Amino acid sequence: MKKYAMFMLVAMLTIGLPISAQNGQRKQRVDDNNRMRQEMRMTAKERAEWMAKQLELTADQTAKVQALLEKQDAKRTEQMKKFREQREQMTTNRDKNREEMRALREKEMKENQAELESIIGKEKMEKMNLLRESRQRKPQANR
């Protein structure tokens, strides 16, 4: 009887440990994904400080960059609110609306890049673009 009880205990532990380990890994993955999402949402001030550090911006340039980023964030928030309202009202012409949104976003990105370049200069803008490209490639290399 003792051998049977010992066998059952070993069998339960053998089956139970991998299952609990998998649950722990799954929870860790979820936590990692949430942490990554939170890290991606930097405030305008944090982005400006990061750019100042990476590009060696002056205090004046940093302040102007932060103001620009705050203006862009406010505008983007307002636009997303507007687009959400429109999306709820419209159920047709989704492709057309998507293309309009994409074109508007691309236009704004170009305008924002030009305005940022006027603040920090062409040389630092080129450095910023290289930094941005390397950051975009980095997650792909880890996959």
C-alpha atoms as a PDB file:
ATOM      1  CA  MET A   1       0.000   0.000   0.000  1.00  0.00           C
ATOM      2  CA  LYS A   2       2.844   2.385   0.833  1.00  0.00           C
ATOM      3  CA  LYS A   3       4.439   1.715  -2.556  1.00  0.00           C
ATOM      4  CA  TYR A   4       1.155   2.505  -4.303  1.00  0.00           C
ATOM      5  CA  ALA A   5       0.746   5.771  -2.352  1.00  0.00           C
ATOM      6  CA  MET A   6       4.344   6.738  -3.110  1.00  0.00           C
ATOM      7  CA  PHE A   7       3.811   5.917  -6.789  1.00  0.00           C
ATOM      8  CA  MET A   8       0.667   8.094  -6.889  1.00  0.00           C
ATOM      9  CA  LEU A   9       2.489  10.972  -5.184  1.00  0.00           C
ATOM     10  CA  VAL A  10       5.360  10.801  -7.684  1.00  0.00           C
ATOM     11  CA  ALA A  11       2.908  10.585 -10.594  1.00  0.00           C
ATOM     12  CA  MET A  12       0.936  13.603  -9.367  1.00  0.00           C
ATOM     13  CA  LEU A  13       4.086  15.662  -8.905  1.00  0.00           C
ATOM     14  CA  THR A  14       5.386  14.627 -12.311  1.00  0.00           C
ATOM     15  CA  ILE A  15       2.180  15.737 -13.999  1.00  0.00           C
ATOM     16  CA  GLY A  16       1.553  18.808 -11.814  1.00  0.00           C
ATOM     17  CA  LEU A  17       4.937  20.508 -12.047  1.00  0.00           C
ATOM     18  CA  PRO A  18       5.012  21.006 -15.841  1.00  0.00           C
ATOM     19  CA  ILE A  19       1.454  22.340 -15.786  1.00  0.00           C
ATOM     20  CA  SER A  20       2.235  24.896 -13.086  1.00  0.00           C
ATOM     21  CA  ALA A  21       5.434  25.860 -14.898  1.00  0.00           C
ATOM     22  CA  GLN A  22       3.458  26.477 -18.086  1.00  0.00           C
ATOM     23  CA  ASN A  23       0.982  28.670 -16.216  1.00  0.00           C
ATOM     24  CA  GLY A  24       3.870  30.652 -14.759  1.00  0.00           C
ATOM     25  CA  GLN A  25       5.372  31.163 -18.220  1.00  0.00           C
ATOM     26  CA  ARG A  26       2.019  32.250 -19.622  1.00  0.00           C
ATOM     27  CA  LYS A  27       1.550  34.780 -16.794  1.00  0.00           C
ATOM     28  CA  GLN A  28       5.081  36.084 -17.302  1.00  0.00           C
ATOM     29  CA  ARG A  29       4.420  36.514 -21.039  1.00  0.00           C
ATOM     30  CA  VAL A  30       1.261  38.501 -20.312  1.00  0.00           C
ATOM     31  CA  ASP A  31       3.150  40.659 -17.820  1.00  0.00           C
ATOM     32  CA  ASP A  32       5.951  41.200 -20.354  1.00  0.00           C
ATOM     33  CA  ASN A  33       3.447  42.246 -23.046  1.00  0.00           C
ATOM     34  CA  ASN A  34       1.749  44.711 -20.691  1.00  0.00           C
ATOM     35  CA  ARG A  35       5.112  46.103 -19.636  1.00  0.00           C
ATOM     36  CA  MET A  36       6.146  46.508 -23.291  1.00  0.00           C
ATOM     37  CA  ARG A  37       2.916  48.353 -24.065  1.00  0.00           C
ATOM     38  CA  GLN A  38       3.443  50.664 -21.110  1.00  0.00           C
ATOM     39  CA  GLU A  39       7.044  51.322 -22.122  1.00  0.00           C
ATOM     40  CA  MET A  40       5.902  52.189 -25.635  1.00  0.00           C
ATOM     41  CA  ARG A  41       3.582  54.886 -24.279  1.00  0.00           C
ATOM     42  CA  MET A  42       6.098  57.541 -23.402  1.00  0.00           C
ATOM     43  CA  THR A  43       4.844  61.009 -22.578  1.00  0.00           C
ATOM     44  CA  ALA A  44       5.811  63.990 -24.695  1.00  0.00           C
ATOM     45  CA  LYS A  45       8.208  65.075 -21.958  1.00  0.00           C
ATOM     46  CA  GLU A  46       9.850  61.637 -21.812  1.00  0.00           C
ATOM     47  CA  ARG A  47      10.222  61.530 -25.598  1.00  0.00           C
ATOM     48  CA  ALA A  48      11.690  65.033 -25.627  1.00  0.00           C
ATOM     49  CA  GLU A  49      14.137  64.127 -22.854  1.00  0.00           C
ATOM     50  CA  TRP A  50      15.130  60.956 -24.719  1.00  0.00           C
ATOM     51  CA  MET A  51      15.711  62.954 -27.903  1.00  0.00           C
ATOM     52  CA  ALA A  52      17.663  65.588 -25.970  1.00  0.00           C
ATOM     53  CA  LYS A  53      19.939  62.916 -24.549  1.00  0.00           C
ATOM     54  CA  GLN A  54      20.394  61.054 -27.832  1.00  0.00           C
ATOM     55  CA  LEU A  55      20.794  64.148 -30.021  1.00  0.00           C
ATOM     56  CA  GLU A  56      22.481  66.449 -27.517  1.00  0.00           C
ATOM     57  CA  LEU A  57      19.785  69.109 -27.865  1.00  0.00           C
ATOM     58  CA  THR A  58      19.989  72.440 -26.134  1.00  0.00           C
ATOM     59  CA  ALA A  59      17.494  73.296 -23.398  1.00  0.00           C
ATOM     60  CA  ASP A  60      15.689  75.595 -25.833  1.00  0.00           C
ATOM     61  CA  GLN A  61      15.487  72.876 -28.490  1.00  0.00           C
ATOM     62  CA  THR A  62      14.275  70.369 -25.895  1.00  0.00           C
ATOM     63  CA  ALA A  63      11.524  72.718 -24.731  1.00  0.00           C
ATOM     64  CA  LYS A  64      10.425  73.370 -28.310  1.00  0.00           C
ATOM     65  CA  VAL A  65      10.491  69.666 -29.154  1.00  0.00           C
ATOM     66  CA  GLN A  66       8.415  68.897 -26.056  1.00  0.00           C
ATOM     67  CA  ALA A  67       5.896  71.593 -26.990  1.00  0.00           C
ATOM     68  CA  LEU A  68       5.696  70.194 -30.514  1.00  0.00           C
ATOM     69  CA  LEU A  69       5.194  66.643 -29.232  1.00  0.00           C
ATOM     70  CA  GLU A  70       2.483  67.775 -26.816  1.00  0.00           C
ATOM     71  CA  LYS A  71       0.724  69.617 -29.640  1.00  0.00           C
ATOM     72  CA  GLN A  72       0.958  66.520 -31.847  1.00  0.00           C
ATOM     73  CA  ASP A  73      -0.361  64.263 -29.081  1.00  0.00           C
ATOM     74  CA  ALA A  74      -3.330  66.558 -28.425  1.00  0.00           C
ATOM     75  CA  LYS A  75      -4.109  66.754 -32.128  1.00  0.00           C
ATOM     76  CA  ARG A  76      -3.811  62.984 -32.544  1.00  0.00           C
ATOM     77  CA  THR A  77      -6.072  62.390 -29.536  1.00  0.00           C
ATOM     78  CA  GLU A  78      -8.708  64.727 -30.958  1.00  0.00           C
ATOM     79  CA  GLN A  79      -8.477  63.077 -34.373  1.00  0.00           C
ATOM     80  CA  MET A  80      -8.770  59.583 -32.920  1.00  0.00           C
ATOM     81  CA  LYS A  81     -11.836  60.680 -30.977  1.00  0.00           C
ATOM     82  CA  LYS A  82     -13.336  62.094 -34.168  1.00  0.00           C
ATOM     83  CA  PHE A  83     -12.492  58.968 -36.180  1.00  0.00           C
ATOM     84  CA  ARG A  84     -13.986  56.713 -33.491  1.00  0.00           C
ATOM     85  CA  GLU A  85     -17.223  58.695 -33.599  1.00  0.00           C
ATOM     86  CA  GLN A  86     -17.292  58.475 -37.390  1.00  0.00           C
ATOM     87  CA  ARG A  87     -16.529  54.766 -37.304  1.00  0.00           C
ATOM     88  CA  GLU A  88     -19.439  54.149 -34.995  1.00  0.00           C
ATOM     89  CA  GLN A  89     -21.759  56.076 -37.301  1.00  0.00           C
ATOM     90  CA  MET A  90     -20.566  54.536 -40.528  1.00  0.00           C
ATOM     91  CA  THR A  91     -20.516  50.897 -41.361  1.00  0.00           C
ATOM     92  CA  THR A  92     -19.894  51.259 -45.078  1.00  0.00           C
ATOM     93  CA  ASN A  93     -16.986  52.621 -47.068  1.00  0.00           C
ATOM     94  CA  ARG A  94     -14.460  51.283 -44.578  1.00  0.00           C
ATOM     95  CA  ASP A  95     -11.728  50.986 -47.165  1.00  0.00           C
ATOM     96  CA  LYS A  96     -12.239  54.575 -48.283  1.00  0.00           C
ATOM     97  CA  ASN A  97     -12.144  55.841 -44.708  1.00  0.00           C
ATOM     98  CA  ARG A  98      -9.039  53.772 -43.960  1.00  0.00           C
ATOM     99  CA  GLU A  99      -7.229  55.214 -46.972  1.00  0.00           C
ATOM    100  CA  GLU A 100      -8.265  58.750 -46.004  1.00  0.00           C
ATOM    101  CA  MET A 101      -6.986  58.196 -42.463  1.00  0.00           C
ATOM    102  CA  ARG A 102      -3.738  56.698 -43.759  1.00  0.00           C
ATOM    103  CA  ALA A 103      -3.200  59.577 -46.205  1.00  0.00           C
ATOM    104  CA  LEU A 104      -3.937  62.135 -43.501  1.00  0.00           C
ATOM    105  CA  ARG A 105      -1.534  60.428 -41.096  1.00  0.00           C
ATOM    106  CA  GLU A 106       1.233  60.277 -43.702  1.00  0.00           C
ATOM    107  CA  LYS A 107       0.747  63.961 -44.534  1.00  0.00           C
ATOM    108  CA  GLU A 108       0.889  64.880 -40.862  1.00  0.00           C
ATOM    109  CA  MET A 109       3.975  62.756 -40.292  1.00  0.00           C
ATOM    110  CA  LYS A 110       5.776  64.578 -43.099  1.00  0.00           C
ATOM    111  CA  GLU A 111       4.706  67.955 -41.707  1.00  0.00           C
ATOM    112  CA  ASN A 112       5.776  66.937 -38.217  1.00  0.00           C
ATOM    113  CA  GLN A 113       9.152  65.739 -39.496  1.00  0.00           C
ATOM    114  CA  ALA A 114       9.693  69.019 -41.337  1.00  0.00           C
ATOM    115  CA  GLU A 115       8.754  71.053 -38.256  1.00  0.00           C
ATOM    116  CA  LEU A 116      11.010  68.950 -36.026  1.00  0.00           C
ATOM    117  CA  GLU A 117      13.869  69.340 -38.512  1.00  0.00           C
ATOM    118  CA  SER A 118      13.430  73.121 -38.428  1.00  0.00           C
ATOM    119  CA  ILE A 119      13.887  72.988 -34.645  1.00  0.00           C
ATOM    120  CA  ILE A 120      16.801  70.573 -34.299  1.00  0.00           C
ATOM    121  CA  GLY A 121      18.522  70.992 -37.662  1.00  0.00           C
ATOM    122  CA  LYS A 122      19.160  68.671 -40.586  1.00  0.00           C
ATOM    123  CA  GLU A 123      22.195  66.924 -39.112  1.00  0.00           C
ATOM    124  CA  LYS A 124      20.436  65.974 -35.862  1.00  0.00           C
ATOM    125  CA  MET A 125      17.331  64.995 -37.802  1.00  0.00           C
ATOM    126  CA  GLU A 126      19.388  62.546 -39.857  1.00  0.00           C
ATOM    127  CA  LYS A 127      20.819  61.134 -36.630  1.00  0.00           C
ATOM    128  CA  MET A 128      17.284  60.859 -35.223  1.00  0.00           C
ATOM    129  CA  ASN A 129      16.128  58.964 -38.320  1.00  0.00           C
ATOM    130  CA  LEU A 130      19.042  56.534 -37.986  1.00  0.00           C
ATOM    131  CA  LEU A 131      18.222  55.990 -34.304  1.00  0.00           C
ATOM    132  CA  ARG A 132      14.575  55.432 -35.165  1.00  0.00           C
ATOM    133  CA  GLU A 133      15.479  52.887 -37.857  1.00  0.00           C
ATOM    134  CA  SER A 134      17.772  50.974 -35.520  1.00  0.00           C
ATOM    135  CA  ARG A 135      15.061  50.878 -32.820  1.00  0.00           C
ATOM    136  CA  GLN A 136      12.540  49.558 -35.349  1.00  0.00           C
ATOM    137  CA  ARG A 137      14.907  46.824 -36.508  1.00  0.00           C
ATOM    138  CA  LYS A 138      15.870  45.752 -32.987  1.00  0.00           C
ATOM    139  CA  PRO A 139      12.607  43.968 -32.040  1.00  0.00           C
ATOM    140  CA  GLN A 140      12.618  42.120 -35.372  1.00  0.00           C
ATOM    141  CA  ALA A 141      16.093  40.752 -34.689  1.00  0.00           C
ATOM    142  CA  ASN A 142      14.940  39.325 -31.345  1.00  0.00           C
ATOM    143  CA  ARG A 143      12.048  37.354 -32.850  1.00  0.00           C
END
